[in-house]
N, C-alpha and C. Protein backbone atom coordinates (compact mmCIF):
# COMPACT_ATOMS: atom_id res chain seq x y z
N MET A 1 41.57 73.74 8.36
CA MET A 1 42.81 74.12 8.26
C MET A 1 43.69 73.80 9.22
N ALA A 2 43.17 74.13 10.64
CA ALA A 2 43.90 73.83 11.76
C ALA A 2 43.94 72.21 11.95
N THR A 3 42.80 71.73 11.71
CA THR A 3 42.67 70.18 11.69
C THR A 3 43.63 69.61 10.68
N ARG A 4 43.94 70.15 9.53
CA ARG A 4 44.84 69.53 8.52
C ARG A 4 46.31 69.78 8.96
N ARG A 5 46.71 70.90 9.67
CA ARG A 5 48.19 71.00 10.05
C ARG A 5 48.29 70.05 11.21
N TYR A 6 47.57 69.96 12.01
CA TYR A 6 47.65 69.01 13.28
C TYR A 6 47.74 67.38 12.87
N GLU A 7 47.01 67.30 11.71
CA GLU A 7 47.35 65.79 11.30
C GLU A 7 48.46 65.79 10.65
N GLN A 8 49.02 66.79 10.06
CA GLN A 8 50.37 66.68 9.36
C GLN A 8 51.51 66.82 10.39
N ARG A 9 51.09 67.48 11.62
CA ARG A 9 52.13 67.42 12.35
C ARG A 9 52.18 65.76 13.02
N LEU A 10 51.14 65.44 13.14
CA LEU A 10 51.14 63.94 14.11
C LEU A 10 51.69 62.91 12.90
N ARG A 11 51.79 63.23 11.67
CA ARG A 11 52.40 62.40 10.82
C ARG A 11 53.73 62.61 10.35
N ALA A 12 54.26 63.61 10.96
CA ALA A 12 55.65 64.11 10.72
C ALA A 12 56.58 63.44 12.14
N GLU A 13 55.68 63.53 13.21
CA GLU A 13 56.12 62.99 14.29
C GLU A 13 56.30 61.51 14.27
N SER A 14 55.25 60.77 13.70
CA SER A 14 55.27 59.41 13.70
C SER A 14 56.43 59.13 12.93
N ALA A 15 56.49 59.84 11.66
CA ALA A 15 57.59 59.51 10.97
C ALA A 15 59.10 59.43 11.39
N GLU A 16 59.26 60.51 12.12
CA GLU A 16 60.51 60.67 13.12
C GLU A 16 60.59 59.42 13.94
N GLN A 17 59.60 59.26 14.54
CA GLN A 17 59.59 58.17 15.76
C GLN A 17 60.16 56.93 14.93
N THR A 18 59.36 56.66 13.81
CA THR A 18 59.80 55.35 13.16
C THR A 18 61.40 55.19 12.89
N ARG A 19 61.59 56.30 12.14
CA ARG A 19 63.06 56.69 11.73
C ARG A 19 64.15 56.47 13.09
N ARG A 20 63.65 57.00 14.23
CA ARG A 20 64.54 56.76 15.18
C ARG A 20 64.54 55.55 15.79
N ARG A 21 63.36 54.76 15.68
CA ARG A 21 63.51 53.38 15.90
C ARG A 21 64.41 52.37 15.19
N ILE A 22 64.08 52.72 13.81
CA ILE A 22 65.21 51.81 12.86
C ILE A 22 66.90 52.40 13.15
N LEU A 23 66.87 53.52 13.33
CA LEU A 23 68.52 53.82 13.81
C LEU A 23 68.91 53.29 15.31
N ASP A 24 68.07 53.40 15.97
CA ASP A 24 68.23 52.40 17.55
C ASP A 24 68.68 51.02 17.24
N ALA A 25 67.67 50.50 16.37
CA ALA A 25 67.85 49.13 16.10
C ALA A 25 69.20 48.86 15.47
N LEU A 26 69.36 49.60 14.72
CA LEU A 26 70.97 49.49 13.88
C LEU A 26 71.93 49.56 14.89
N ARG A 27 71.87 50.49 15.86
CA ARG A 27 72.92 50.83 16.64
C ARG A 27 73.13 49.57 17.81
N ARG A 28 71.79 49.01 18.13
CA ARG A 28 71.53 47.84 19.03
C ARG A 28 72.60 46.71 18.45
N ARG A 29 72.00 46.45 16.93
CA ARG A 29 72.41 45.37 16.18
C ARG A 29 73.95 45.40 16.05
N LEU A 30 74.76 46.43 15.82
CA LEU A 30 75.83 46.33 15.72
C LEU A 30 76.63 46.34 16.96
N ARG A 31 76.18 46.75 18.28
CA ARG A 31 76.83 46.32 19.39
C ARG A 31 76.61 44.72 19.78
N GLU A 32 75.38 44.36 19.76
CA GLU A 32 75.17 42.79 20.02
C GLU A 32 76.16 41.90 19.12
N ALA A 33 76.13 42.51 17.67
CA ALA A 33 76.89 41.31 16.92
C ALA A 33 77.63 41.57 15.84
N PRO A 34 78.99 42.39 16.53
CA PRO A 34 79.48 43.28 15.42
C PRO A 34 80.13 42.52 14.35
N ALA A 35 80.52 41.20 14.67
CA ALA A 35 81.00 40.53 13.52
C ALA A 35 80.10 39.97 12.51
N GLU A 36 78.76 39.88 12.58
CA GLU A 36 77.88 39.30 11.88
C GLU A 36 77.30 40.52 11.02
N PRO A 37 77.03 40.16 9.55
CA PRO A 37 76.42 40.84 8.57
C PRO A 37 75.23 41.65 9.09
N VAL A 38 74.88 42.66 8.87
CA VAL A 38 73.90 43.29 9.33
C VAL A 38 72.60 42.75 8.00
N SER A 39 71.47 42.51 8.92
CA SER A 39 70.35 41.97 7.84
C SER A 39 69.22 42.98 8.24
N LEU A 40 68.75 43.56 7.22
CA LEU A 40 67.52 44.57 7.17
C LEU A 40 66.30 43.86 7.84
N ASP A 41 66.08 42.49 7.54
CA ASP A 41 65.09 41.99 8.20
C ASP A 41 65.22 42.08 9.68
N ARG A 42 66.57 41.40 10.29
CA ARG A 42 66.95 41.75 11.64
C ARG A 42 66.36 43.24 12.24
N ILE A 43 66.88 44.08 11.36
CA ILE A 43 66.85 45.41 11.96
C ILE A 43 65.38 45.64 12.13
N ALA A 44 64.55 45.57 10.87
CA ALA A 44 63.10 45.73 10.98
C ALA A 44 62.21 44.98 12.40
N LYS A 45 62.65 43.66 12.51
CA LYS A 45 62.02 43.18 13.40
C LYS A 45 62.31 43.82 14.82
N ILE A 46 63.70 44.18 15.08
CA ILE A 46 63.93 45.06 16.27
C ILE A 46 63.35 46.44 16.33
N ALA A 47 63.17 46.78 15.17
CA ALA A 47 62.46 48.14 15.22
C ALA A 47 61.19 48.17 15.25
N ARG A 48 60.46 47.12 14.95
CA ARG A 48 58.98 46.74 15.11
C ARG A 48 58.20 47.38 14.01
N VAL A 49 58.79 47.29 12.67
CA VAL A 49 58.61 47.74 11.54
C VAL A 49 58.43 46.68 10.35
N ALA A 50 58.01 46.93 9.40
CA ALA A 50 58.05 45.99 8.31
C ALA A 50 59.01 46.14 7.55
N ARG A 51 59.90 45.25 6.84
CA ARG A 51 61.01 45.60 6.06
C ARG A 51 60.83 46.64 5.07
N PRO A 52 59.84 46.71 4.26
CA PRO A 52 59.87 47.83 3.30
C PRO A 52 59.54 49.18 3.94
N THR A 53 59.30 49.39 5.25
CA THR A 53 59.12 50.62 5.75
C THR A 53 60.60 51.19 5.69
N VAL A 54 61.70 50.31 6.12
CA VAL A 54 62.94 50.86 6.10
C VAL A 54 63.66 51.34 4.95
N TYR A 55 63.12 50.67 3.80
CA TYR A 55 63.42 51.03 2.50
C TYR A 55 63.04 52.49 1.95
N ALA A 56 61.58 52.54 2.90
CA ALA A 56 60.73 53.88 2.60
C ALA A 56 61.03 54.88 3.20
N THR A 57 61.60 54.57 4.30
CA THR A 57 62.65 55.99 5.45
C THR A 57 63.95 56.32 4.74
N PHE A 58 64.51 54.95 4.73
CA PHE A 58 66.07 55.49 3.89
C PHE A 58 66.54 55.28 2.61
N GLY A 59 65.57 54.82 1.95
CA GLY A 59 65.90 54.59 0.59
C GLY A 59 66.71 53.40 -0.03
N SER A 60 67.52 53.08 0.81
CA SER A 60 68.47 51.73 0.46
C SER A 60 69.12 51.54 1.63
N ARG A 61 69.96 50.44 1.63
CA ARG A 61 70.77 49.90 2.88
C ARG A 61 71.73 50.96 3.07
N ALA A 62 72.41 51.25 1.91
CA ALA A 62 73.33 52.32 1.80
C ALA A 62 72.67 53.66 2.52
N GLY A 63 71.75 53.86 2.24
CA GLY A 63 71.13 55.39 2.79
C GLY A 63 70.99 55.02 4.12
N LEU A 64 70.56 53.74 4.94
CA LEU A 64 70.50 53.58 6.28
C LEU A 64 71.58 53.89 7.06
N PHE A 65 72.92 53.59 6.16
CA PHE A 65 73.99 53.62 6.87
C PHE A 65 74.78 54.96 6.87
N GLU A 66 74.35 55.61 5.93
CA GLU A 66 74.60 57.00 5.77
C GLU A 66 73.75 58.21 6.81
N ALA A 67 72.67 57.71 7.13
CA ALA A 67 71.83 58.19 8.23
C ALA A 67 72.15 58.00 9.40
N PHE A 68 72.79 56.90 9.69
CA PHE A 68 73.57 56.33 10.74
C PHE A 68 74.68 56.91 11.29
N SER A 69 75.27 57.11 10.25
CA SER A 69 76.77 57.77 10.73
C SER A 69 76.47 59.27 10.64
N ALA A 70 75.76 59.74 9.91
CA ALA A 70 75.46 61.41 10.41
C ALA A 70 74.68 61.43 11.89
N ASP A 71 73.80 60.73 12.17
CA ASP A 71 73.57 60.52 13.50
C ASP A 71 74.40 60.12 14.59
N LEU A 72 75.52 59.52 14.24
CA LEU A 72 76.43 58.85 15.24
C LEU A 72 77.24 60.35 15.45
N LEU A 73 77.43 60.78 14.59
CA LEU A 73 78.46 62.28 14.58
C LEU A 73 77.69 63.07 15.45
N ARG A 74 76.17 63.24 15.09
CA ARG A 74 75.51 64.46 15.82
C ARG A 74 75.54 64.27 17.18
N ARG A 75 75.10 62.90 17.62
CA ARG A 75 75.01 62.22 19.05
C ARG A 75 76.46 62.45 19.80
N SER A 76 77.41 62.49 18.74
CA SER A 76 79.00 62.10 19.65
C SER A 76 79.60 63.57 19.95
N GLY A 77 78.72 64.58 19.60
CA GLY A 77 79.30 66.03 19.74
C GLY A 77 80.06 66.40 18.76
N PHE A 78 80.00 66.01 17.26
CA PHE A 78 80.78 66.66 16.13
C PHE A 78 80.75 68.17 16.07
N ASN A 79 79.48 68.75 16.56
CA ASN A 79 79.50 70.04 16.73
C ASN A 79 80.56 70.74 17.48
N GLN A 80 80.79 70.16 18.79
CA GLN A 80 81.75 70.61 19.75
C GLN A 80 83.05 70.73 18.88
N VAL A 81 83.35 69.52 18.19
CA VAL A 81 84.64 69.47 17.42
C VAL A 81 84.69 70.69 16.75
N LEU A 82 83.63 70.88 15.88
CA LEU A 82 83.94 72.19 14.68
C LEU A 82 83.99 73.43 15.78
N GLU A 83 83.44 73.61 16.72
CA GLU A 83 83.40 74.76 17.35
C GLU A 83 85.02 74.90 18.02
N ALA A 84 85.48 73.95 18.73
CA ALA A 84 86.89 73.89 19.11
C ALA A 84 87.79 74.14 17.90
N SER A 85 87.48 73.62 16.84
CA SER A 85 88.55 73.90 15.90
C SER A 85 88.60 75.21 15.28
N ALA A 86 87.62 76.02 15.67
CA ALA A 86 87.27 77.26 14.87
C ALA A 86 87.86 78.36 15.87
N HIS A 87 88.56 77.99 17.04
CA HIS A 87 88.82 78.95 18.03
C HIS A 87 90.15 80.09 17.21
N PRO A 88 90.00 80.96 17.58
CA PRO A 88 90.79 82.23 17.04
C PRO A 88 92.35 81.68 16.93
N ASP A 89 92.64 81.11 17.95
CA ASP A 89 94.16 80.89 18.04
C ASP A 89 94.48 79.49 17.66
N ALA A 90 95.25 79.15 16.57
CA ALA A 90 95.33 77.86 15.83
C ALA A 90 95.85 76.80 16.84
N ARG A 91 96.65 77.28 17.60
CA ARG A 91 96.89 76.25 18.50
C ARG A 91 96.04 75.61 19.60
N GLU A 92 95.35 76.43 19.98
CA GLU A 92 94.17 76.27 20.80
C GLU A 92 93.36 75.49 20.05
N ALA A 93 92.86 75.70 18.78
CA ALA A 93 92.37 75.06 17.61
C ALA A 93 92.83 73.46 17.86
N LEU A 94 93.96 73.28 17.64
CA LEU A 94 94.52 72.12 17.34
C LEU A 94 94.22 71.15 18.56
N ARG A 95 94.53 71.94 20.05
CA ARG A 95 94.28 70.83 21.06
C ARG A 95 92.92 70.54 21.15
N GLY A 96 92.16 71.70 20.98
CA GLY A 96 90.57 71.48 21.15
C GLY A 96 90.22 70.46 20.06
N ALA A 97 90.55 70.71 18.83
CA ALA A 97 90.19 69.37 17.72
C ALA A 97 90.59 68.17 18.10
N ILE A 98 91.56 67.81 18.58
CA ILE A 98 91.95 66.53 18.77
C ILE A 98 91.24 65.98 20.00
N GLY A 99 91.08 67.08 21.07
CA GLY A 99 90.13 66.68 22.23
C GLY A 99 88.96 66.21 21.95
N GLY A 100 88.32 66.77 20.90
CA GLY A 100 86.94 66.75 20.65
C GLY A 100 86.72 65.25 19.76
N VAL A 101 87.65 65.00 18.77
CA VAL A 101 87.73 64.01 18.06
C VAL A 101 88.05 62.45 19.14
N VAL A 102 88.98 62.64 20.10
CA VAL A 102 88.97 61.44 21.02
C VAL A 102 87.58 61.50 21.59
N ALA A 103 87.20 62.38 22.30
CA ALA A 103 86.02 62.20 23.01
C ALA A 103 84.96 61.64 22.04
N MET A 104 84.87 61.83 20.72
CA MET A 104 83.93 61.53 20.17
C MET A 104 83.96 59.90 19.85
N TYR A 105 85.11 59.44 19.26
CA TYR A 105 85.63 58.14 19.39
C TYR A 105 85.31 57.33 20.42
N ALA A 106 85.69 57.85 21.73
CA ALA A 106 85.38 57.03 22.99
C ALA A 106 83.99 57.01 23.27
N ALA A 107 83.18 57.73 23.02
CA ALA A 107 81.88 57.74 23.43
C ALA A 107 81.09 56.62 22.42
N ASN A 108 81.70 56.41 21.29
CA ASN A 108 81.00 55.54 20.24
C ASN A 108 82.06 54.47 19.93
N ARG A 109 82.79 53.93 20.63
CA ARG A 109 83.88 53.04 20.09
C ARG A 109 83.78 51.77 19.50
N ASP A 110 82.70 51.00 19.84
CA ASP A 110 81.92 50.04 19.37
C ASP A 110 81.43 50.36 18.02
N GLU A 111 80.60 51.21 17.70
CA GLU A 111 79.89 51.51 16.45
C GLU A 111 81.01 51.76 15.55
N MET A 112 82.00 52.74 15.93
CA MET A 112 82.81 53.18 14.96
C MET A 112 83.85 52.16 14.35
N ARG A 113 84.35 50.99 15.38
CA ARG A 113 85.07 50.08 14.94
C ARG A 113 84.07 49.18 14.11
N VAL A 114 82.95 48.98 14.23
CA VAL A 114 82.38 47.90 13.30
C VAL A 114 82.03 48.88 11.80
N LEU A 115 81.79 50.07 12.18
CA LEU A 115 81.70 50.89 10.67
C LEU A 115 82.80 50.91 9.92
N SER A 116 83.99 50.88 10.67
CA SER A 116 85.50 51.16 9.93
C SER A 116 85.64 49.58 9.27
N SER A 117 85.28 48.39 10.10
CA SER A 117 85.41 47.05 9.78
C SER A 117 84.50 46.82 8.36
N MET A 118 83.04 47.40 8.55
CA MET A 118 82.39 46.84 7.43
C MET A 118 82.64 47.82 6.21
N ALA A 119 83.14 48.82 6.15
CA ALA A 119 83.53 49.68 5.12
C ALA A 119 84.44 48.81 4.17
N LEU A 120 85.30 47.69 4.64
CA LEU A 120 86.20 46.79 4.00
C LEU A 120 85.23 45.85 3.56
N LEU A 121 84.46 45.13 4.44
CA LEU A 121 83.87 43.84 4.16
C LEU A 121 82.25 44.07 3.43
N ASP A 122 82.07 45.39 3.79
CA ASP A 122 80.62 45.48 2.72
C ASP A 122 80.49 46.94 2.49
N ALA A 123 81.25 47.16 1.67
CA ALA A 123 81.50 48.45 1.14
C ALA A 123 80.27 49.25 0.49
N ALA A 124 79.51 47.98 -0.05
CA ALA A 124 78.27 48.89 -0.98
C ALA A 124 77.26 49.55 0.20
N ALA A 125 77.38 48.91 1.57
CA ALA A 125 76.44 49.49 2.19
C ALA A 125 77.03 50.51 3.10
N ALA A 126 78.43 50.11 3.83
CA ALA A 126 78.98 51.27 5.02
C ALA A 126 80.09 51.80 4.27
N GLY A 127 80.64 51.44 2.94
CA GLY A 127 81.73 52.33 2.53
C GLY A 127 81.49 53.68 2.38
N GLY A 128 80.36 53.98 1.78
CA GLY A 128 79.92 55.59 1.26
C GLY A 128 79.84 56.35 2.58
N ALA A 129 79.17 55.81 3.81
CA ALA A 129 79.19 56.45 4.87
C ALA A 129 80.46 56.64 5.64
N VAL A 130 81.27 56.04 5.62
CA VAL A 130 82.66 55.99 6.32
C VAL A 130 83.55 56.94 5.39
N GLU A 131 83.24 56.78 4.03
CA GLU A 131 84.17 57.86 3.18
C GLU A 131 83.80 59.18 3.55
N GLN A 132 82.22 59.56 3.69
CA GLN A 132 81.93 60.75 3.82
C GLN A 132 82.75 61.28 5.17
N MET A 133 82.65 60.52 6.42
CA MET A 133 83.09 60.94 7.47
C MET A 133 84.46 61.25 7.38
N GLU A 134 85.13 60.47 6.73
CA GLU A 134 86.72 60.51 6.60
C GLU A 134 87.04 61.96 5.66
N ARG A 135 86.28 62.14 4.60
CA ARG A 135 86.34 63.23 3.96
C ARG A 135 86.16 64.76 4.84
N GLU A 136 85.28 64.28 5.65
CA GLU A 136 84.95 65.64 6.34
C GLU A 136 86.29 66.03 7.27
N ARG A 137 86.87 64.97 8.07
CA ARG A 137 87.71 64.79 8.81
C ARG A 137 89.12 65.56 7.85
N ALA A 138 89.42 64.79 7.00
CA ALA A 138 90.37 65.19 5.93
C ALA A 138 90.30 66.93 5.73
N HIS A 139 89.15 67.53 5.44
CA HIS A 139 89.10 68.89 5.20
C HIS A 139 89.30 69.48 6.57
N GLY A 140 88.85 69.26 7.59
CA GLY A 140 88.91 69.61 8.67
C GLY A 140 90.60 69.84 9.10
N MET A 141 91.06 68.83 8.78
CA MET A 141 92.77 68.82 9.11
C MET A 141 93.59 69.82 8.30
N ALA A 142 92.95 69.49 7.05
CA ALA A 142 93.79 70.74 5.79
C ALA A 142 93.50 71.81 6.27
N ARG A 143 92.22 72.39 6.69
CA ARG A 143 91.74 73.79 7.29
C ARG A 143 92.74 74.28 8.47
N LEU A 144 92.97 73.19 9.35
CA LEU A 144 93.49 73.34 10.51
C LEU A 144 95.05 73.56 10.13
N ALA A 145 95.61 73.05 9.31
CA ALA A 145 97.33 72.90 8.92
C ALA A 145 97.40 74.30 8.35
N GLN A 146 96.41 74.87 7.55
CA GLN A 146 96.73 76.12 6.74
C GLN A 146 96.60 76.99 7.87
N ARG A 147 95.58 76.96 8.75
CA ARG A 147 95.60 77.98 9.98
C ARG A 147 96.87 78.18 10.71
N LEU A 148 97.49 76.96 11.06
CA LEU A 148 98.76 76.95 11.69
C LEU A 148 99.81 77.74 10.92
N SER A 149 99.84 77.56 9.77
CA SER A 149 100.62 78.01 8.81
C SER A 149 100.53 79.51 8.87
N ASP A 150 99.04 80.05 8.69
CA ASP A 150 98.95 81.56 8.49
C ASP A 150 99.45 82.32 9.60
N GLN A 151 99.29 81.62 10.97
CA GLN A 151 99.55 81.98 12.08
C GLN A 151 101.07 82.05 12.22
N GLY A 152 101.88 81.50 11.62
CA GLY A 152 103.30 81.53 11.79
C GLY A 152 103.55 80.35 12.97
N THR A 153 102.67 79.36 12.95
CA THR A 153 102.78 78.43 14.27
C THR A 153 103.59 76.99 13.76
N LEU A 154 103.64 76.67 12.73
CA LEU A 154 104.47 75.54 12.28
C LEU A 154 105.90 75.81 12.11
N ARG A 155 106.43 74.60 12.54
CA ARG A 155 108.07 75.01 12.77
C ARG A 155 108.62 75.10 11.27
N ALA A 156 109.74 75.40 11.35
CA ALA A 156 110.45 75.81 10.01
C ALA A 156 110.74 74.47 9.32
N GLY A 157 110.35 74.51 7.87
CA GLY A 157 110.47 73.35 7.28
C GLY A 157 109.06 72.40 6.93
N VAL A 158 108.24 72.99 8.11
CA VAL A 158 107.06 72.07 7.92
C VAL A 158 106.04 72.84 7.26
N THR A 159 105.63 72.00 6.03
CA THR A 159 104.76 72.62 5.08
C THR A 159 103.22 72.14 5.62
N VAL A 160 102.34 72.76 4.80
CA VAL A 160 100.92 72.53 5.24
C VAL A 160 100.44 71.12 4.57
N ASP A 161 100.94 70.71 3.75
CA ASP A 161 100.90 69.40 3.36
C ASP A 161 101.41 68.47 4.52
N ARG A 162 102.61 68.68 4.73
CA ARG A 162 102.99 67.77 5.81
C ARG A 162 102.24 67.97 7.23
N ALA A 163 102.04 68.78 7.32
CA ALA A 163 101.09 69.14 8.73
C ALA A 163 99.74 68.47 8.53
N THR A 164 99.23 68.60 7.41
CA THR A 164 98.08 67.92 7.07
C THR A 164 97.95 66.30 7.43
N ASP A 165 99.33 65.74 6.66
CA ASP A 165 99.18 64.38 6.78
C ASP A 165 99.44 64.03 8.46
N VAL A 166 100.28 64.65 9.18
CA VAL A 166 100.33 64.17 10.78
C VAL A 166 99.07 64.40 11.31
N LEU A 167 98.32 65.38 10.97
CA LEU A 167 96.95 65.65 11.68
C LEU A 167 96.10 64.65 11.23
N TRP A 168 96.22 64.23 10.29
CA TRP A 168 95.23 63.09 9.68
C TRP A 168 95.59 61.83 10.33
N LEU A 169 96.79 61.46 10.22
CA LEU A 169 97.22 60.23 11.43
C LEU A 169 96.91 60.33 12.64
N LEU A 170 97.24 61.53 13.27
CA LEU A 170 96.75 61.55 14.76
C LEU A 170 95.22 61.60 15.03
N THR A 171 94.49 62.11 14.29
CA THR A 171 92.95 62.05 14.64
C THR A 171 92.31 60.86 13.91
N SER A 172 92.99 59.71 13.37
CA SER A 172 92.26 58.77 12.90
C SER A 172 91.69 57.87 14.13
N PHE A 173 90.79 57.06 13.84
CA PHE A 173 89.94 56.21 14.66
C PHE A 173 91.14 55.17 14.93
N ASN A 174 91.70 54.54 14.15
CA ASN A 174 92.90 53.47 14.33
C ASN A 174 93.88 54.02 15.55
N GLY A 175 94.22 55.11 14.98
CA GLY A 175 95.04 55.57 16.14
C GLY A 175 94.53 55.95 17.67
N PHE A 176 93.35 56.00 17.66
CA PHE A 176 92.88 56.34 19.03
C PHE A 176 92.69 54.73 19.74
N ASP A 177 92.22 53.88 18.52
CA ASP A 177 91.85 52.53 19.20
C ASP A 177 93.07 51.76 19.56
N VAL A 178 94.37 52.14 18.92
CA VAL A 178 95.60 51.35 19.19
C VAL A 178 95.97 51.73 20.85
N LEU A 179 95.82 53.03 21.05
CA LEU A 179 95.93 53.44 22.58
C LEU A 179 94.64 53.05 23.37
N HIS A 180 93.62 53.18 23.03
CA HIS A 180 92.52 52.69 23.96
C HIS A 180 92.31 51.50 24.14
N THR A 181 92.32 50.36 22.96
CA THR A 181 92.19 48.93 23.16
C THR A 181 93.36 48.42 23.37
N GLY A 182 94.51 48.75 22.80
CA GLY A 182 95.83 47.84 22.88
C GLY A 182 96.63 48.24 23.93
N ARG A 183 96.58 49.61 24.37
CA ARG A 183 97.14 50.06 25.75
C ARG A 183 96.37 50.37 26.75
N ALA A 184 94.96 50.32 26.57
CA ALA A 184 94.22 50.53 27.93
C ALA A 184 94.44 52.01 28.57
N ARG A 185 94.48 52.92 27.59
CA ARG A 185 94.70 54.41 27.82
C ARG A 185 93.29 54.72 27.90
N SER A 186 93.17 56.09 28.63
CA SER A 186 91.85 56.61 28.98
C SER A 186 91.74 57.72 28.03
N ALA A 187 90.37 58.29 27.52
CA ALA A 187 90.44 59.30 26.60
C ALA A 187 91.22 60.45 27.12
N PRO A 188 91.14 61.10 28.23
CA PRO A 188 92.14 62.13 28.77
C PRO A 188 93.69 61.93 28.21
N ASP A 189 93.98 60.50 28.51
CA ASP A 189 95.46 60.21 28.62
C ASP A 189 95.70 60.08 26.90
N ILE A 190 94.73 59.45 26.16
CA ILE A 190 95.05 59.68 24.75
C ILE A 190 95.07 61.12 24.36
N THR A 191 94.25 61.94 24.45
CA THR A 191 94.27 63.26 24.24
C THR A 191 95.63 64.02 24.49
N GLN A 192 96.12 63.70 25.64
CA GLN A 192 97.37 64.41 25.62
C GLN A 192 98.59 63.97 25.19
N ILE A 193 98.36 62.53 24.70
CA ILE A 193 99.38 62.01 24.10
C ILE A 193 99.69 62.66 22.50
N LEU A 194 98.39 62.76 22.16
CA LEU A 194 98.23 63.10 20.57
C LEU A 194 98.28 64.48 20.58
N VAL A 195 97.96 65.12 21.59
CA VAL A 195 98.32 66.88 21.48
C VAL A 195 99.90 67.06 21.72
N ASP A 196 100.46 66.24 22.51
CA ASP A 196 102.02 66.40 22.75
C ASP A 196 102.74 66.04 21.45
N THR A 197 102.47 65.07 21.11
CA THR A 197 102.73 64.38 19.64
C THR A 197 102.75 65.45 18.36
N ALA A 198 101.50 66.03 18.24
CA ALA A 198 101.16 67.04 17.23
C ALA A 198 101.98 68.34 17.45
N GLU A 199 102.12 68.94 18.64
CA GLU A 199 102.55 70.09 19.04
C GLU A 199 104.28 69.92 18.93
N ARG A 200 104.65 68.69 19.40
CA ARG A 200 106.14 68.60 19.15
C ARG A 200 106.70 68.38 17.67
N SER A 201 105.75 67.49 17.02
CA SER A 201 106.09 67.52 15.63
C SER A 201 105.72 68.79 14.72
N LEU A 202 104.92 69.57 14.84
CA LEU A 202 104.52 70.60 13.96
C LEU A 202 104.48 71.97 14.55
N CYS A 203 104.74 72.46 15.70
CA CYS A 203 104.49 73.58 16.33
C CYS A 203 105.91 74.30 16.97
N ARG A 204 105.99 75.45 16.57
CA ARG A 204 107.19 75.98 17.16
C ARG A 204 107.10 76.12 18.83
N ASP A 205 108.51 75.77 19.23
CA ASP A 205 108.68 76.11 20.75
C ASP A 205 107.90 77.30 21.29
């Protein structure tokens, strides 16, 4: 019995190592050739596995991108974003959430840019993964807007829907990248700009 459990553990560890190599291969390919279509043959070669192994591990090309996006969020500190946005004081949650999102984008700017572009150019593969990320962000901003309203933090006349729209805009990757790439602003500078804009637009003095 002990031998069987040991063998099962070894198989599980081997499968996880294979999965990790494939995800790392995709990340490397996105960084090296962001303008080129992603070839599973190329990913398999970089990961040193057979092409069928990629399908056996992730089920499909779209499944590979979904797993990559989930892994990207985990490695980028998405849990810290969730923790920051759960601060009891909604205004502090606003600052923490924006800062966390900016840090996440800054840590993986190249991959995020490629995924955003691929969602338009190759929707069958990357579209679902990006949509899932955006749905989670949308839900998070809606919850934050509602908390700001519940705590009486919103300016007079600012509805929860309007606050959600503003937060959605300010926490978008494109908004970050316009300042980071277009204006050469650092992550702390971008955080301050976005927090100031959010508070002046939405919050009482």
